[in-house]
PDB file of all heavy atoms in Angstrom:
ATOM      1  N   LEU A   1      71.461 -56.867   8.424  1.00  0.00           N
ATOM      2  CA  LEU A   1      70.228 -56.331   7.848  1.00  0.00           C
ATOM      3  C   LEU A   1      69.304 -57.507   7.456  1.00  0.00           C
ATOM      4  O   LEU A   1      68.047 -57.516   7.643  1.00  0.00           O
ATOM      5  CB  LEU A   1      70.537 -55.516   6.603  1.00  0.00           C
ATOM      6  CG  LEU A   1      71.480 -54.403   6.793  1.00  0.00           C
ATOM      7  CD1 LEU A   1      71.658 -53.576   5.582  1.00  0.00           C
ATOM      8  CD2 LEU A   1      71.143 -53.388   8.075  1.00  0.00           C
ATOM      9  N   VAL A   2      69.897 -58.644   7.011  1.00  0.00           N
ATOM     10  CA  VAL A   2      69.052 -59.739   6.586  1.00  0.00           C
ATOM     11  C   VAL A   2      68.412 -60.370   7.906  1.00  0.00           C
ATOM     12  O   VAL A   2      67.225 -60.732   7.898  1.00  0.00           O
ATOM     13  CB  VAL A   2      69.885 -60.819   5.864  1.00  0.00           C
ATOM     14  CG1 VAL A   2      69.072 -62.125   5.578  1.00  0.00           C
ATOM     15  CG2 VAL A   2      70.395 -60.234   4.526  1.00  0.00           C
ATOM     16  N   ASN A   3      69.234 -60.574   8.873  1.00  0.00           N
ATOM     17  CA  ASN A   3      68.627 -61.099  10.083  1.00  0.00           C
ATOM     18  C   ASN A   3      67.623 -60.192  10.749  1.00  0.00           C
ATOM     19  O   ASN A   3      66.657 -60.691  11.455  1.00  0.00           O
ATOM     20  CB  ASN A   3      69.770 -61.400  11.077  1.00  0.00           C
ATOM     21  CG  ASN A   3      70.844 -62.380  10.756  1.00  0.00           C
ATOM     22  OD1 ASN A   3      70.454 -63.153   9.948  1.00  0.00           O
ATOM     23  ND2 ASN A   3      72.041 -62.311  11.164  1.00  0.00           N
ATOM     24  N   ASP A   4      67.781 -58.880  10.576  1.00  0.00           N
ATOM     25  CA  ASP A   4      66.636 -57.934  11.064  1.00  0.00           C
ATOM     26  C   ASP A   4      65.458 -57.957  10.278  1.00  0.00           C
ATOM     27  O   ASP A   4      64.390 -57.141  10.606  1.00  0.00           O
ATOM     28  CB  ASP A   4      67.310 -56.613  11.288  1.00  0.00           C
ATOM     29  CG  ASP A   4      68.325 -56.509  12.483  1.00  0.00           C
ATOM     30  OD1 ASP A   4      68.197 -57.419  13.239  1.00  0.00           O
ATOM     31  OD2 ASP A   4      69.197 -55.534  12.432  1.00  0.00           O
ATOM     32  N   GLY A   5      65.420 -58.620   9.086  1.00  0.00           N
ATOM     33  CA  GLY A   5      64.422 -58.568   8.183  1.00  0.00           C
ATOM     34  C   GLY A   5      64.055 -57.440   7.305  1.00  0.00           C
ATOM     35  O   GLY A   5      63.034 -57.079   6.918  1.00  0.00           O
ATOM     36  N   LEU A   6      65.210 -56.557   7.278  1.00  0.00           N
ATOM     37  CA  LEU A   6      65.159 -55.393   6.488  1.00  0.00           C
ATOM     38  C   LEU A   6      65.367 -55.548   4.978  1.00  0.00           C
ATOM     39  O   LEU A   6      64.843 -54.858   4.211  1.00  0.00           O
ATOM     40  CB  LEU A   6      66.058 -54.332   6.976  1.00  0.00           C
ATOM     41  CG  LEU A   6      65.694 -53.728   8.316  1.00  0.00           C
ATOM     42  CD1 LEU A   6      66.875 -52.769   8.864  1.00  0.00           C
ATOM     43  CD2 LEU A   6      64.380 -53.147   8.485  1.00  0.00           C
ATOM     44  N   VAL A   7      66.172 -56.599   4.684  1.00  0.00           N
ATOM     45  CA  VAL A   7      66.705 -56.805   3.342  1.00  0.00           C
ATOM     46  C   VAL A   7      66.661 -58.219   2.970  1.00  0.00           C
ATOM     47  O   VAL A   7      66.696 -59.047   3.898  1.00  0.00           O
ATOM     48  CB  VAL A   7      67.959 -56.033   2.838  1.00  0.00           C
ATOM     49  CG1 VAL A   7      67.907 -54.598   3.194  1.00  0.00           C
ATOM     50  CG2 VAL A   7      69.079 -56.906   3.672  1.00  0.00           C
ATOM     51  N   GLN A   8      66.707 -58.595   1.727  1.00  0.00           N
ATOM     52  CA  GLN A   8      66.850 -60.006   1.285  1.00  0.00           C
ATOM     53  C   GLN A   8      67.775 -60.063   0.180  1.00  0.00           C
ATOM     54  O   GLN A   8      67.843 -59.243  -0.776  1.00  0.00           O
ATOM     55  CB  GLN A   8      65.554 -60.516   0.776  1.00  0.00           C
ATOM     56  CG  GLN A   8      65.530 -61.968   0.210  1.00  0.00           C
ATOM     57  CD  GLN A   8      65.840 -62.926   1.449  1.00  0.00           C
ATOM     58  OE1 GLN A   8      65.113 -62.867   2.410  1.00  0.00           O
ATOM     59  NE2 GLN A   8      66.792 -63.781   1.263  1.00  0.00           N
ATOM     60  N   ARG A   9      68.723 -61.197   0.211  1.00  0.00           N
ATOM     61  CA  ARG A   9      69.691 -61.318  -0.821  1.00  0.00           C
ATOM     62  C   ARG A   9      69.037 -62.216  -1.905  1.00  0.00           C
ATOM     63  O   ARG A   9      68.344 -63.147  -1.604  1.00  0.00           O
ATOM     64  CB  ARG A   9      70.857 -62.037  -0.284  1.00  0.00           C
ATOM     65  CG  ARG A   9      72.034 -61.219   0.397  1.00  0.00           C
ATOM     66  CD  ARG A   9      73.357 -62.034   0.562  1.00  0.00           C
ATOM     67  NE  ARG A   9      74.268 -61.353   1.150  1.00  0.00           N
ATOM     68  CZ  ARG A   9      74.564 -61.293   2.424  1.00  0.00           C
ATOM     69  NH1 ARG A   9      73.785 -62.069   3.289  1.00  0.00           N
ATOM     70  NH2 ARG A   9      75.505 -60.559   3.014  1.00  0.00           N
ATOM     71  N   TYR A  10      69.314 -61.912  -3.129  1.00  0.00           N
ATOM     72  CA  TYR A  10      68.877 -62.731  -4.178  1.00  0.00           C
ATOM     73  C   TYR A  10      70.102 -63.045  -5.095  1.00  0.00           C
ATOM     74  O   TYR A  10      70.802 -62.145  -5.599  1.00  0.00           O
ATOM     75  CB  TYR A  10      67.747 -62.157  -5.098  1.00  0.00           C
ATOM     76  CG  TYR A  10      66.550 -61.955  -4.396  1.00  0.00           C
ATOM     77  CD1 TYR A  10      66.229 -60.649  -3.788  1.00  0.00           C
ATOM     78  CD2 TYR A  10      65.683 -62.896  -4.263  1.00  0.00           C
ATOM     79  CE1 TYR A  10      65.031 -60.571  -3.055  1.00  0.00           C
ATOM     80  CE2 TYR A  10      64.283 -62.752  -3.589  1.00  0.00           C
ATOM     81  CZ  TYR A  10      64.067 -61.605  -2.945  1.00  0.00           C
ATOM     82  OH  TYR A  10      62.974 -61.419  -2.299  1.00  0.00           O
ATOM     83  N   HIS A  11      70.397 -64.300  -5.137  1.00  0.00           N
ATOM     84  CA  HIS A  11      71.754 -64.735  -5.855  1.00  0.00           C
ATOM     85  C   HIS A  11      71.786 -64.108  -7.244  1.00  0.00           C
ATOM     86  O   HIS A  11      70.871 -64.399  -8.028  1.00  0.00           O
ATOM     87  CB  HIS A  11      71.898 -66.187  -5.825  1.00  0.00           C
ATOM     88  CG  HIS A  11      73.069 -66.815  -6.429  1.00  0.00           C
ATOM     89  ND1 HIS A  11      74.430 -66.527  -5.849  1.00  0.00           N
ATOM     90  CD2 HIS A  11      73.465 -67.462  -7.633  1.00  0.00           C
ATOM     91  CE1 HIS A  11      75.256 -67.030  -6.551  1.00  0.00           C
ATOM     92  NE2 HIS A  11      74.673 -67.659  -7.662  1.00  0.00           N
ATOM     93  N   GLY A  12      72.779 -63.600  -7.603  1.00  0.00           N
ATOM     94  CA  GLY A  12      73.042 -63.031  -9.012  1.00  0.00           C
ATOM     95  C   GLY A  12      72.369 -61.694  -9.242  1.00  0.00           C
ATOM     96  O   GLY A  12      72.374 -61.144 -10.269  1.00  0.00           O
ATOM     97  N   LYS A  13      71.533 -61.339  -8.319  1.00  0.00           N
ATOM     98  CA  LYS A  13      70.722 -60.003  -8.430  1.00  0.00           C
ATOM     99  C   LYS A  13      71.025 -58.948  -7.581  1.00  0.00           C
ATOM    100  O   LYS A  13      71.112 -57.805  -7.981  1.00  0.00           O
ATOM    101  CB  LYS A  13      69.211 -60.279  -8.391  1.00  0.00           C
ATOM    102  CG  LYS A  13      68.635 -61.188  -9.538  1.00  0.00           C
ATOM    103  CD  LYS A  13      67.144 -61.466  -9.299  1.00  0.00           C
ATOM    104  CE  LYS A  13      66.579 -62.393 -10.351  1.00  0.00           C
ATOM    105  NZ  LYS A  13      65.255 -62.651 -10.208  1.00  0.00           N
ATOM    106  N   GLY A  14      71.436 -59.251  -6.301  1.00  0.00           N
ATOM    107  CA  GLY A  14      71.729 -58.246  -5.318  1.00  0.00           C
ATOM    108  C   GLY A  14      71.042 -58.302  -4.045  1.00  0.00           C
ATOM    109  O   GLY A  14      70.357 -59.267  -3.796  1.00  0.00           O
ATOM    110  N   VAL A  15      70.969 -57.159  -3.326  1.00  0.00           N
ATOM    111  CA  VAL A  15      70.315 -56.957  -2.014  1.00  0.00           C
ATOM    112  C   VAL A  15      69.139 -56.046  -2.236  1.00  0.00           C
ATOM    113  O   VAL A  15      69.431 -54.896  -2.637  1.00  0.00           O
ATOM    114  CB  VAL A  15      71.266 -56.668  -0.970  1.00  0.00           C
ATOM    115  CG1 VAL A  15      70.534 -56.554   0.385  1.00  0.00           C
ATOM    116  CG2 VAL A  15      72.450 -57.641  -0.847  1.00  0.00           C
ATOM    117  N   PHE A  16      67.954 -56.402  -1.818  1.00  0.00           N
ATOM    118  CA  PHE A  16      66.751 -55.593  -1.925  1.00  0.00           C
ATOM    119  C   PHE A  16      65.921 -55.352  -0.707  1.00  0.00           C
ATOM    120  O   PHE A  16      65.954 -56.275   0.181  1.00  0.00           O
ATOM    121  CB  PHE A  16      65.832 -56.316  -2.945  1.00  0.00           C
ATOM    122  CG  PHE A  16      66.303 -56.368  -4.339  1.00  0.00           C
ATOM    123  CD1 PHE A  16      67.189 -57.445  -4.721  1.00  0.00           C
ATOM    124  CD2 PHE A  16      66.083 -55.392  -5.327  1.00  0.00           C
ATOM    125  CE1 PHE A  16      67.688 -57.514  -5.966  1.00  0.00           C
ATOM    126  CE2 PHE A  16      66.581 -55.480  -6.612  1.00  0.00           C
ATOM    127  CZ  PHE A  16      67.434 -56.498  -6.918  1.00  0.00           C
ATOM    128  N   VAL A  17      65.499 -54.281  -0.587  1.00  0.00           N
ATOM    129  CA  VAL A  17      64.750 -53.704   0.657  1.00  0.00           C
ATOM    130  C   VAL A  17      63.455 -54.389   0.712  1.00  0.00           C
ATOM    131  O   VAL A  17      62.646 -54.482  -0.245  1.00  0.00           O
ATOM    132  CB  VAL A  17      64.515 -52.190   0.694  1.00  0.00           C
ATOM    133  CG1 VAL A  17      63.807 -51.869   1.796  1.00  0.00           C
ATOM    134  CG2 VAL A  17      65.894 -51.511   0.651  1.00  0.00           C
ATOM    135  N   LEU A  18      63.063 -55.025   1.831  1.00  0.00           N
ATOM    136  CA  LEU A  18      61.868 -55.726   2.007  1.00  0.00           C
ATOM    137  C   LEU A  18      60.713 -54.722   2.610  1.00  0.00           C
ATOM    138  O   LEU A  18      61.047 -53.690   3.106  1.00  0.00           O
ATOM    139  CB  LEU A  18      61.970 -56.891   3.061  1.00  0.00           C
ATOM    140  CG  LEU A  18      62.899 -58.026   2.608  1.00  0.00           C
ATOM    141  CD1 LEU A  18      63.081 -58.978   3.767  1.00  0.00           C
ATOM    142  CD2 LEU A  18      62.298 -58.715   1.345  1.00  0.00           C
ATOM    143  N   GLU A  19      59.542 -55.233   2.507  1.00  0.00           N
ATOM    144  CA  GLU A  19      58.469 -54.544   3.086  1.00  0.00           C
ATOM    145  C   GLU A  19      58.628 -54.601   4.547  1.00  0.00           C
ATOM    146  O   GLU A  19      59.096 -55.547   5.101  1.00  0.00           O
ATOM    147  CB  GLU A  19      56.999 -55.245   2.761  1.00  0.00           C
ATOM    148  CG  GLU A  19      56.621 -55.096   1.308  1.00  0.00           C
ATOM    149  CD  GLU A  19      55.827 -53.897   1.052  1.00  0.00           C
ATOM    150  OE1 GLU A  19      55.753 -53.110   1.983  1.00  0.00           O
ATOM    151  OE2 GLU A  19      55.376 -53.707  -0.067  1.00  0.00           O
ATOM    152  N   THR A  20      58.159 -53.459   5.254  1.00  0.00           N
ATOM    153  CA  THR A  20      58.257 -53.457   6.797  1.00  0.00           C
ATOM    154  C   THR A  20      57.291 -54.404   7.254  1.00  0.00           C
ATOM    155  O   THR A  20      56.096 -54.495   7.002  1.00  0.00           O
ATOM    156  CB  THR A  20      57.960 -52.102   7.278  1.00  0.00           C
ATOM    157  OG1 THR A  20      58.878 -51.190   6.878  1.00  0.00           O
ATOM    158  CG2 THR A  20      58.030 -52.099   8.847  1.00  0.00           C
ATOM    159  N   ALA A  21      57.677 -55.442   8.177  1.00  0.00           N
ATOM    160  CA  ALA A  21      56.893 -56.503   8.668  1.00  0.00           C
ATOM    161  C   ALA A  21      55.780 -55.891   9.688  1.00  0.00           C
ATOM    162  O   ALA A  21      56.120 -54.952  10.424  1.00  0.00           O
ATOM    163  CB  ALA A  21      57.647 -57.515   9.575  1.00  0.00           C
ATOM    164  N   ILE A  22      54.546 -56.312   9.438  1.00  0.00           N
ATOM    165  CA  ILE A  22      53.551 -55.769  10.384  1.00  0.00           C
ATOM    166  C   ILE A  22      53.357 -56.806  11.640  1.00  0.00           C
ATOM    167  O   ILE A  22      53.349 -57.916  11.453  1.00  0.00           O
ATOM    168  CB  ILE A  22      52.138 -55.844   9.630  1.00  0.00           C
ATOM    169  CG1 ILE A  22      52.113 -54.771   8.386  1.00  0.00           C
ATOM    170  CG2 ILE A  22      50.920 -55.597  10.579  1.00  0.00           C
ATOM    171  CD1 ILE A  22      50.805 -54.834   7.500  1.00  0.00           C
ATOM    172  N   ASN A  23      53.450 -56.133  12.755  1.00  0.00           N
ATOM    173  CA  ASN A  23      53.314 -56.880  13.990  1.00  0.00           C
ATOM    174  C   ASN A  23      51.960 -57.157  14.219  1.00  0.00           C
ATOM    175  O   ASN A  23      51.170 -56.415  14.778  1.00  0.00           O
ATOM    176  CB  ASN A  23      54.062 -56.120  15.134  1.00  0.00           C
ATOM    177  CG  ASN A  23      54.131 -56.906  16.325  1.00  0.00           C
ATOM    178  OD1 ASN A  23      54.208 -58.204  16.310  1.00  0.00           O
ATOM    179  ND2 ASN A  23      54.081 -56.262  17.517  1.00  0.00           N
ATOM    180  N   TYR A  24      51.556 -58.444  13.908  1.00  0.00           N
ATOM    181  CA  TYR A  24      50.190 -58.886  13.986  1.00  0.00           C
ATOM    182  C   TYR A  24      49.997 -59.737  15.269  1.00  0.00           C
ATOM    183  O   TYR A  24      50.661 -60.861  15.454  1.00  0.00           O
ATOM    184  CB  TYR A  24      49.667 -59.738  12.877  1.00  0.00           C
ATOM    185  CG  TYR A  24      48.230 -60.029  12.737  1.00  0.00           C
ATOM    186  CD1 TYR A  24      47.393 -59.194  12.331  1.00  0.00           C
ATOM    187  CD2 TYR A  24      47.765 -61.268  13.190  1.00  0.00           C
ATOM    188  CE1 TYR A  24      46.011 -59.477  12.221  1.00  0.00           C
ATOM    189  CE2 TYR A  24      46.546 -61.673  13.214  1.00  0.00           C
ATOM    190  CZ  TYR A  24      45.533 -60.770  12.743  1.00  0.00           C
ATOM    191  OH  TYR A  24      44.314 -61.163  12.616  1.00  0.00           O
ATOM    192  N   THR A  25      49.243 -59.236  16.229  1.00  0.00           N
ATOM    193  CA  THR A  25      49.009 -59.905  17.495  1.00  0.00           C
ATOM    194  C   THR A  25      47.885 -60.825  17.514  1.00  0.00           C
ATOM    195  O   THR A  25      46.767 -60.635  17.023  1.00  0.00           O
ATOM    196  CB  THR A  25      48.784 -58.822  18.715  1.00  0.00           C
ATOM    197  OG1 THR A  25      49.915 -58.044  18.777  1.00  0.00           O
ATOM    198  CG2 THR A  25      48.501 -59.609  20.083  1.00  0.00           C
ATOM    199  N   ILE A  26      48.142 -61.987  18.061  1.00  0.00           N
ATOM    200  CA  ILE A  26      47.047 -63.112  18.061  1.00  0.00           C
ATOM    201  C   ILE A  26      46.707 -63.302  19.688  1.00  0.00           C
ATOM    202  O   ILE A  26      47.600 -63.565  20.406  1.00  0.00           O
ATOM    203  CB  ILE A  26      47.630 -64.355  17.579  1.00  0.00           C
ATOM    204  CG1 ILE A  26      47.657 -64.160  16.047  1.00  0.00           C
ATOM    205  CG2 ILE A  26      46.457 -65.461  17.723  1.00  0.00           C
ATOM    206  CD1 ILE A  26      48.290 -65.445  15.290  1.00  0.00           C
ATOM    207  N   ASP A  27      45.517 -63.169  20.047  1.00  0.00           N
ATOM    208  CA  ASP A  27      45.098 -63.464  21.346  1.00  0.00           C
ATOM    209  C   ASP A  27      43.824 -64.214  21.332  1.00  0.00           C
ATOM    210  O   ASP A  27      43.324 -64.698  20.244  1.00  0.00           O
ATOM    211  CB  ASP A  27      44.968 -62.184  22.265  1.00  0.00           C
ATOM    212  CG  ASP A  27      44.073 -61.171  21.675  1.00  0.00           C
ATOM    213  OD1 ASP A  27      42.988 -61.499  21.031  1.00  0.00           O
ATOM    214  OD2 ASP A  27      44.284 -60.030  21.976  1.00  0.00           O
ATOM    215  N   SER A  28      43.032 -64.292  22.419  1.00  0.00           N
ATOM    216  CA  SER A  28      41.953 -65.175  22.493  1.00  0.00           C
ATOM    217  C   SER A  28      40.735 -64.525  21.635  1.00  0.00           C
ATOM    218  O   SER A  28      39.737 -65.337  21.217  1.00  0.00           O
ATOM    219  CB  SER A  28      41.476 -65.316  23.908  1.00  0.00           C
ATOM    220  OG  SER A  28      41.177 -64.030  24.540  1.00  0.00           O
ATOM    221  N   GLN A  29      40.715 -63.335  21.424  1.00  0.00           N
ATOM    222  CA  GLN A  29      39.590 -62.754  20.692  1.00  0.00           C
ATOM    223  C   GLN A  29      40.153 -61.923  19.492  1.00  0.00           C
ATOM    224  O   GLN A  29      39.461 -60.747  19.145  1.00  0.00           O
ATOM    225  CB  GLN A  29      38.754 -62.004  21.554  1.00  0.00           C
ATOM    226  CG  GLN A  29      38.101 -62.667  22.570  1.00  0.00           C
ATOM    227  CD  GLN A  29      37.080 -61.899  23.534  1.00  0.00           C
ATOM    228  OE1 GLN A  29      36.267 -61.233  22.944  1.00  0.00           O
ATOM    229  NE2 GLN A  29      37.198 -62.056  24.817  1.00  0.00           N
ATOM    230  N   THR A  30      41.217 -62.266  18.781  1.00  0.00           N
ATOM    231  CA  THR A  30      41.752 -61.478  17.621  1.00  0.00           C
ATOM    232  C   THR A  30      40.695 -61.348  16.611  1.00  0.00           C
ATOM    233  O   THR A  30      40.018 -62.331  16.154  1.00  0.00           O
ATOM    234  CB  THR A  30      43.006 -62.211  17.124  1.00  0.00           C
ATOM    235  OG1 THR A  30      43.912 -62.249  18.200  1.00  0.00           O
ATOM    236  CG2 THR A  30      43.481 -61.514  15.964  1.00  0.00           C
ATOM    237  N   ARG A  31      40.576 -60.132  16.094  1.00  0.00           N
ATOM    238  CA  ARG A  31      39.746 -59.904  14.835  1.00  0.00           C
ATOM    239  C   ARG A  31      40.649 -59.172  13.878  1.00  0.00           C
ATOM    240  O   ARG A  31      41.269 -58.143  14.212  1.00  0.00           O
ATOM    241  CB  ARG A  31      38.593 -58.949  15.159  1.00  0.00           C
ATOM    242  CG  ARG A  31      37.497 -59.689  16.022  1.00  0.00           C
ATOM    243  CD  ARG A  31      36.280 -58.915  16.243  1.00  0.00           C
ATOM    244  NE  ARG A  31      35.167 -59.461  16.826  1.00  0.00           N
ATOM    245  CZ  ARG A  31      34.067 -59.002  17.203  1.00  0.00           C
ATOM    246  NH1 ARG A  31      33.867 -57.648  16.968  1.00  0.00           N
ATOM    247  NH2 ARG A  31      33.101 -59.673  17.954  1.00  0.00           N
ATOM    248  N   PHE A  32      40.794 -59.655  12.660  1.00  0.00           N
ATOM    249  CA  PHE A  32      41.620 -59.184  11.722  1.00  0.00           C
ATOM    250  C   PHE A  32      41.394 -57.665  11.564  1.00  0.00           C
ATOM    251  O   PHE A  32      42.364 -56.769  11.594  1.00  0.00           O
ATOM    252  CB  PHE A  32      41.509 -59.840  10.398  1.00  0.00           C
ATOM    253  CG  PHE A  32      42.257 -59.285   9.227  1.00  0.00           C
ATOM    254  CD1 PHE A  32      43.705 -59.745   9.047  1.00  0.00           C
ATOM    255  CD2 PHE A  32      41.799 -58.384   8.264  1.00  0.00           C
ATOM    256  CE1 PHE A  32      44.399 -59.294   8.147  1.00  0.00           C
ATOM    257  CE2 PHE A  32      42.597 -57.789   7.380  1.00  0.00           C
ATOM    258  CZ  PHE A  32      43.913 -58.229   7.210  1.00  0.00           C
ATOM    259  N   THR A  33      40.159 -57.270  11.155  1.00  0.00           N
ATOM    260  CA  THR A  33      40.048 -55.863  10.812  1.00  0.00           C
ATOM    261  C   THR A  33      40.139 -54.974  11.967  1.00  0.00           C
ATOM    262  O   THR A  33      40.888 -53.980  11.882  1.00  0.00           O
ATOM    263  CB  THR A  33      38.482 -55.653  10.356  1.00  0.00           C
ATOM    264  OG1 THR A  33      38.333 -56.569   9.242  1.00  0.00           O
ATOM    265  CG2 THR A  33      38.210 -54.219   9.917  1.00  0.00           C
ATOM    266  N   GLU A  34      39.770 -55.292  13.056  1.00  0.00           N
ATOM    267  CA  GLU A  34      39.933 -54.519  14.434  1.00  0.00           C
ATOM    268  C   GLU A  34      41.322 -54.391  14.684  1.00  0.00           C
ATOM    269  O   GLU A  34      41.717 -53.352  15.080  1.00  0.00           O
ATOM    270  CB  GLU A  34      39.101 -55.106  15.448  1.00  0.00           C
ATOM    271  CG  GLU A  34      38.979 -54.282  16.767  1.00  0.00           C
ATOM    272  CD  GLU A  34      38.221 -54.969  17.816  1.00  0.00           C
ATOM    273  OE1 GLU A  34      36.940 -55.255  17.589  1.00  0.00           O
ATOM    274  OE2 GLU A  34      38.720 -55.334  18.877  1.00  0.00           O
ATOM    275  N   THR A  35      42.054 -55.489  14.555  1.00  0.00           N
ATOM    276  CA  THR A  35      43.550 -55.464  15.029  1.00  0.00           C
ATOM    277  C   THR A  35      44.266 -54.449  14.187  1.00  0.00           C
ATOM    278  O   THR A  35      45.015 -53.723  14.674  1.00  0.00           O
ATOM    279  CB  THR A  35      44.093 -56.975  14.945  1.00  0.00           C
ATOM    280  OG1 THR A  35      43.483 -57.770  15.857  1.00  0.00           O
ATOM    281  CG2 THR A  35      45.543 -56.918  15.353  1.00  0.00           C
ATOM    282  N   LEU A  36      44.059 -54.649  12.962  1.00  0.00           N
ATOM    283  CA  LEU A  36      44.934 -53.840  11.886  1.00  0.00           C
ATOM    284  C   LEU A  36      44.413 -52.333  11.935  1.00  0.00           C
ATOM    285  O   LEU A  36      45.278 -51.430  11.847  1.00  0.00           O
ATOM    286  CB  LEU A  36      44.729 -54.288  10.464  1.00  0.00           C
ATOM    287  CG  LEU A  36      45.599 -55.489  10.056  1.00  0.00           C
ATOM    288  CD1 LEU A  36      47.105 -54.841  10.038  1.00  0.00           C
ATOM    289  CD2 LEU A  36      45.501 -56.593  10.830  1.00  0.00           C
ATOM    290  N   HIS A  37      43.210 -52.043  12.153  1.00  0.00           N
ATOM    291  CA  HIS A  37      42.711 -50.694  12.275  1.00  0.00           C
ATOM    292  C   HIS A  37      43.445 -50.069  13.534  1.00  0.00           C
ATOM    293  O   HIS A  37      43.746 -48.799  13.545  1.00  0.00           O
ATOM    294  CB  HIS A  37      41.268 -50.606  12.321  1.00  0.00           C
ATOM    295  CG  HIS A  37      40.580 -50.847  10.927  1.00  0.00           C
ATOM    296  ND1 HIS A  37      39.110 -50.783  10.700  1.00  0.00           N
ATOM    297  CD2 HIS A  37      41.032 -51.035   9.799  1.00  0.00           C
ATOM    298  CE1 HIS A  37      38.998 -50.944   9.445  1.00  0.00           C
ATOM    299  NE2 HIS A  37      39.986 -51.117   8.878  1.00  0.00           N
ATOM    300  N   HIS A  38      43.454 -50.756  14.625  1.00  0.00           N
ATOM    301  CA  HIS A  38      44.046 -50.345  15.849  1.00  0.00           C
ATOM    302  C   HIS A  38      45.434 -49.826  15.546  1.00  0.00           C
ATOM    303  O   HIS A  38      45.960 -48.924  16.224  1.00  0.00           O
ATOM    304  CB  HIS A  38      43.871 -51.318  16.882  1.00  0.00           C
ATOM    305  CG  HIS A  38      44.533 -50.918  18.206  1.00  0.00           C
ATOM    306  ND1 HIS A  38      43.978 -50.092  19.033  1.00  0.00           N
ATOM    307  CD2 HIS A  38      45.750 -51.216  18.803  1.00  0.00           C
ATOM    308  CE1 HIS A  38      44.609 -49.812  20.183  1.00  0.00           C
ATOM    309  NE2 HIS A  38      45.789 -50.529  20.023  1.00  0.00           N
TER     310      HIS A  38
END
C-alpha cells in the first residue's frame, strides 16, 4: 500500500491514508487551469 502511494507510515503513530494523487500531465502547451478542469 505504501509503494502504491495509498498510505504512509509514521513511526510511533501508525499508518494513515493519503490523498489520492492527481495525475498531472506536462506537455508542450500545458496550462494549469485547463489541464485540471479537463
